Amino acid sequence: MRGFLLFWSVLTAIVAALSLGPSFAHVLESVPRLTSWPPSLWRETTVFNAQFQFFAIVGAPLDVAAIACPGLLAWMLRSDRPAFGGFWPPPCFI
């Protein structure tokens, strides 16, 4: 069981890292388009030439997996109290 949880932990970290790559690239390339490109060039590039097609094919499933994998890992660790031992029960501030 420990090997299975280790696999899911590593998979979750890899999927999260791979999900950040296309998102960060998309943010970095949008600044010149918003500040210096005319609207006709923006429309021609994105709508008619499908520049963001791979963001939909690769990025969207990675983003969904980056949400699902940590949720599944947390569900698998729900009975493993040492994994969440530092956070529960919360300290009392009186």
C-alpha atoms as a PDB file:
ATOM      1  CA  MET A   1       0.000   0.000   0.000  1.00  0.00           C
ATOM      2  CA  ARG A   2       2.894   2.390   0.742  1.00  0.00           C
ATOM      3  CA  GLY A   3       4.241   1.947  -2.788  1.00  0.00           C
ATOM      4  CA  PHE A   4       0.821   2.742  -4.215  1.00  0.00           C
ATOM      5  CA  LEU A   5       0.584   5.939  -2.144  1.00  0.00           C
ATOM      6  CA  LEU A   6       4.117   6.902  -3.129  1.00  0.00           C
ATOM      7  CA  PHE A   7       3.167   6.443  -6.781  1.00  0.00           C
ATOM      8  CA  TRP A   8       0.119   8.711  -6.380  1.00  0.00           C
ATOM      9  CA  SER A   9       2.166  11.316  -4.502  1.00  0.00           C
ATOM     10  CA  VAL A  10       4.780  11.490  -7.249  1.00  0.00           C
ATOM     11  CA  LEU A  11       2.103  11.456  -9.962  1.00  0.00           C
ATOM     12  CA  THR A  12       0.285  14.334  -8.252  1.00  0.00           C
ATOM     13  CA  ALA A  13       3.468  16.402  -8.072  1.00  0.00           C
ATOM     14  CA  ILE A  14       4.346  15.712 -11.718  1.00  0.00           C
ATOM     15  CA  VAL A  15       0.845  16.543 -12.968  1.00  0.00           C
ATOM     16  CA  ALA A  16       0.808  19.776 -10.959  1.00  0.00           C
ATOM     17  CA  ALA A  17       4.201  20.783 -12.382  1.00  0.00           C
ATOM     18  CA  LEU A  18       3.148  19.930 -15.931  1.00  0.00           C
ATOM     19  CA  SER A  19      -0.073  21.883 -15.472  1.00  0.00           C
ATOM     20  CA  LEU A  20       1.794  25.018 -14.460  1.00  0.00           C
ATOM     21  CA  GLY A  21       3.969  24.991 -17.600  1.00  0.00           C
ATOM     22  CA  PRO A  22       1.320  25.725 -20.267  1.00  0.00           C
ATOM     23  CA  SER A  23      -0.515  28.103 -17.945  1.00  0.00           C
ATOM     24  CA  PHE A  24       2.621  30.139 -17.278  1.00  0.00           C
ATOM     25  CA  ALA A  25       3.561  30.152 -20.976  1.00  0.00           C
ATOM     26  CA  HIS A  26       0.074  31.371 -21.832  1.00  0.00           C
ATOM     27  CA  VAL A  27       0.380  34.235 -19.356  1.00  0.00           C
ATOM     28  CA  LEU A  28       3.822  35.238 -20.618  1.00  0.00           C
ATOM     29  CA  GLU A  29       2.811  35.296 -24.263  1.00  0.00           C
ATOM     30  CA  SER A  30      -0.403  37.233 -23.674  1.00  0.00           C
ATOM     31  CA  VAL A  31       1.275  40.476 -22.560  1.00  0.00           C
ATOM     32  CA  PRO A  32       2.672  41.473 -25.999  1.00  0.00           C
ATOM     33  CA  ARG A  33      -0.595  40.523 -27.646  1.00  0.00           C
ATOM     34  CA  LEU A  34      -2.627  42.700 -25.315  1.00  0.00           C
ATOM     35  CA  THR A  35      -0.314  45.704 -25.436  1.00  0.00           C
ATOM     36  CA  SER A  36       1.072  45.913 -28.974  1.00  0.00           C
ATOM     37  CA  TRP A  37      -0.943  43.753 -31.374  1.00  0.00           C
ATOM     38  CA  PRO A  38      -3.852  45.291 -33.293  1.00  0.00           C
ATOM     39  CA  PRO A  39      -7.224  43.527 -32.825  1.00  0.00           C
ATOM     40  CA  SER A  40      -7.241  42.226 -36.414  1.00  0.00           C
ATOM     41  CA  LEU A  41      -3.923  40.407 -35.891  1.00  0.00           C
ATOM     42  CA  TRP A  42      -5.183  39.003 -32.571  1.00  0.00           C
ATOM     43  CA  ARG A  43      -8.336  37.667 -34.249  1.00  0.00           C
ATOM     44  CA  GLU A  44      -6.419  36.231 -37.211  1.00  0.00           C
ATOM     45  CA  THR A  45      -3.924  34.444 -34.995  1.00  0.00           C
ATOM     46  CA  THR A  46      -6.187  33.035 -32.318  1.00  0.00           C
ATOM     47  CA  VAL A  47      -9.524  32.436 -34.025  1.00  0.00           C
ATOM     48  CA  PHE A  48      -8.681  31.526 -37.595  1.00  0.00           C
ATOM     49  CA  ASN A  49      -5.272  29.856 -37.217  1.00  0.00           C
ATOM     50  CA  ALA A  50      -6.084  27.992 -33.981  1.00  0.00           C
ATOM     51  CA  GLN A  51      -2.968  29.063 -32.129  1.00  0.00           C
ATOM     52  CA  PHE A  52      -4.392  27.928 -28.788  1.00  0.00           C
ATOM     53  CA  GLN A  53      -5.508  24.522 -30.034  1.00  0.00           C
ATOM     54  CA  PHE A  54      -2.794  22.665 -28.099  1.00  0.00           C
ATOM     55  CA  PHE A  55      -3.681  24.562 -24.938  1.00  0.00           C
ATOM     56  CA  ALA A  56      -7.120  22.964 -25.215  1.00  0.00           C
ATOM     57  CA  ILE A  57      -5.828  19.509 -26.150  1.00  0.00           C
ATOM     58  CA  VAL A  58      -2.964  19.293 -23.630  1.00  0.00           C
ATOM     59  CA  GLY A  59      -3.591  22.033 -21.083  1.00  0.00           C
ATOM     60  CA  ALA A  60      -7.234  21.369 -20.239  1.00  0.00           C
ATOM     61  CA  PRO A  61      -6.809  17.674 -19.333  1.00  0.00           C
ATOM     62  CA  LEU A  62      -3.697  18.538 -17.310  1.00  0.00           C
ATOM     63  CA  ASP A  63      -5.604  21.211 -15.390  1.00  0.00           C
ATOM     64  CA  VAL A  64      -8.429  18.780 -14.636  1.00  0.00           C
ATOM     65  CA  ALA A  65      -5.902  16.134 -13.557  1.00  0.00           C
ATOM     66  CA  ALA A  66      -4.111  18.725 -11.378  1.00  0.00           C
ATOM     67  CA  ILE A  67      -7.378  19.149  -9.472  1.00  0.00           C
ATOM     68  CA  ALA A  68      -8.404  15.471  -9.440  1.00  0.00           C
ATOM     69  CA  CYS A  69      -5.058  13.912  -8.423  1.00  0.00           C
ATOM     70  CA  PRO A  70      -4.633  15.811  -5.116  1.00  0.00           C
ATOM     71  CA  GLY A  71      -8.282  15.159  -4.312  1.00  0.00           C
ATOM     72  CA  LEU A  72      -7.867  11.453  -4.945  1.00  0.00           C
ATOM     73  CA  LEU A  73      -4.623  11.401  -2.959  1.00  0.00           C
ATOM     74  CA  ALA A  74      -6.312  13.136  -0.017  1.00  0.00           C
ATOM     75  CA  TRP A  75      -9.165  10.632  -0.202  1.00  0.00           C
ATOM     76  CA  MET A  76      -6.692   7.741  -0.147  1.00  0.00           C
ATOM     77  CA  LEU A  77      -4.899   9.279   2.860  1.00  0.00           C
ATOM     78  CA  ARG A  78      -8.095  10.003   4.816  1.00  0.00           C
ATOM     79  CA  SER A  79      -7.455   7.217   7.339  1.00  0.00           C
ATOM     80  CA  ASP A  80      -3.700   7.819   7.613  1.00  0.00           C
ATOM     81  CA  ARG A  81      -3.613  10.170  10.593  1.00  0.00           C
ATOM     82  CA  PRO A  82       0.162  10.818  10.612  1.00  0.00           C
ATOM     83  CA  ALA A  83      -0.204  12.383   7.161  1.00  0.00           C
ATOM     84  CA  PHE A  84      -2.475  15.063   8.595  1.00  0.00           C
ATOM     85  CA  GLY A  85      -1.268  14.927  12.202  1.00  0.00           C
ATOM     86  CA  GLY A  86       0.093  18.461  12.382  1.00  0.00           C
ATOM     87  CA  PHE A  87      -3.174  20.115  11.393  1.00  0.00           C
ATOM     88  CA  TRP A  88      -5.872  18.411  13.453  1.00  0.00           C
ATOM     89  CA  PRO A  89      -7.168  19.055  16.041  1.00  0.00           C
ATOM     90  CA  PRO A  90      -6.650  22.811  15.741  1.00  0.00           C
ATOM     91  CA  PRO A  91      -5.019  24.536  18.716  1.00  0.00           C
ATOM     92  CA  CYS A  92      -7.321  26.326  21.120  1.00  0.00           C
ATOM     93  CA  PHE A  93      -6.703  30.029  21.525  1.00  0.00           C
ATOM     94  CA  ILE A  94      -8.276  31.052  24.833  1.00  0.00           C
END
